[in-house]
Amino acid sequence: QHHQIISTKSVSLIMGKGGRANVIVEKKTEGVWKSSYNPLDSKAPKLPSKGEIKAAIPKECFEKSYVHSMYFVARDTAMAAGLIYATNSLLSTDVPANILSVEGLAWFAGWNTYAFWMGTILTGH
């Protein structure tokens, strides 16, 4: 993929403690993705307003419930604790001597699986 340089300009920058750097600033336009959507175009489709989006969401989604929220906190805490217990039982924290061995690949896959599921649990799946 080739980029066409439209303009080049040398700029002198003052760095910390009196240092100077000559930097070449380039503008590249070719090969860069640009959205075809222009909100100022009269033919552009109308985007929904915040009110229209909120009106499309069921009202029960905006109802606050302490009990319901605490249920999710307890559920996610139990899931995280269970995952920590299972991981602690099955995987070692010591890096295998040969990471390309079957044991090393199993260790690597195990910790990546742990990271994926813990991330899923703690972001409120």
Foldseek 3Di string as FASTA:
>chain_A
DDWDWDDKDWDWDQDPPRDIDTDIDTDTDPPDDDDPADPVDPPHDDDDDPVVVVVVDDPVVVDDDPVVVVVLVVVLVVVLVVLVVVCVVPADPDQDPDLPDPNNVVNVVSVVVSVVVNVVSVVRD
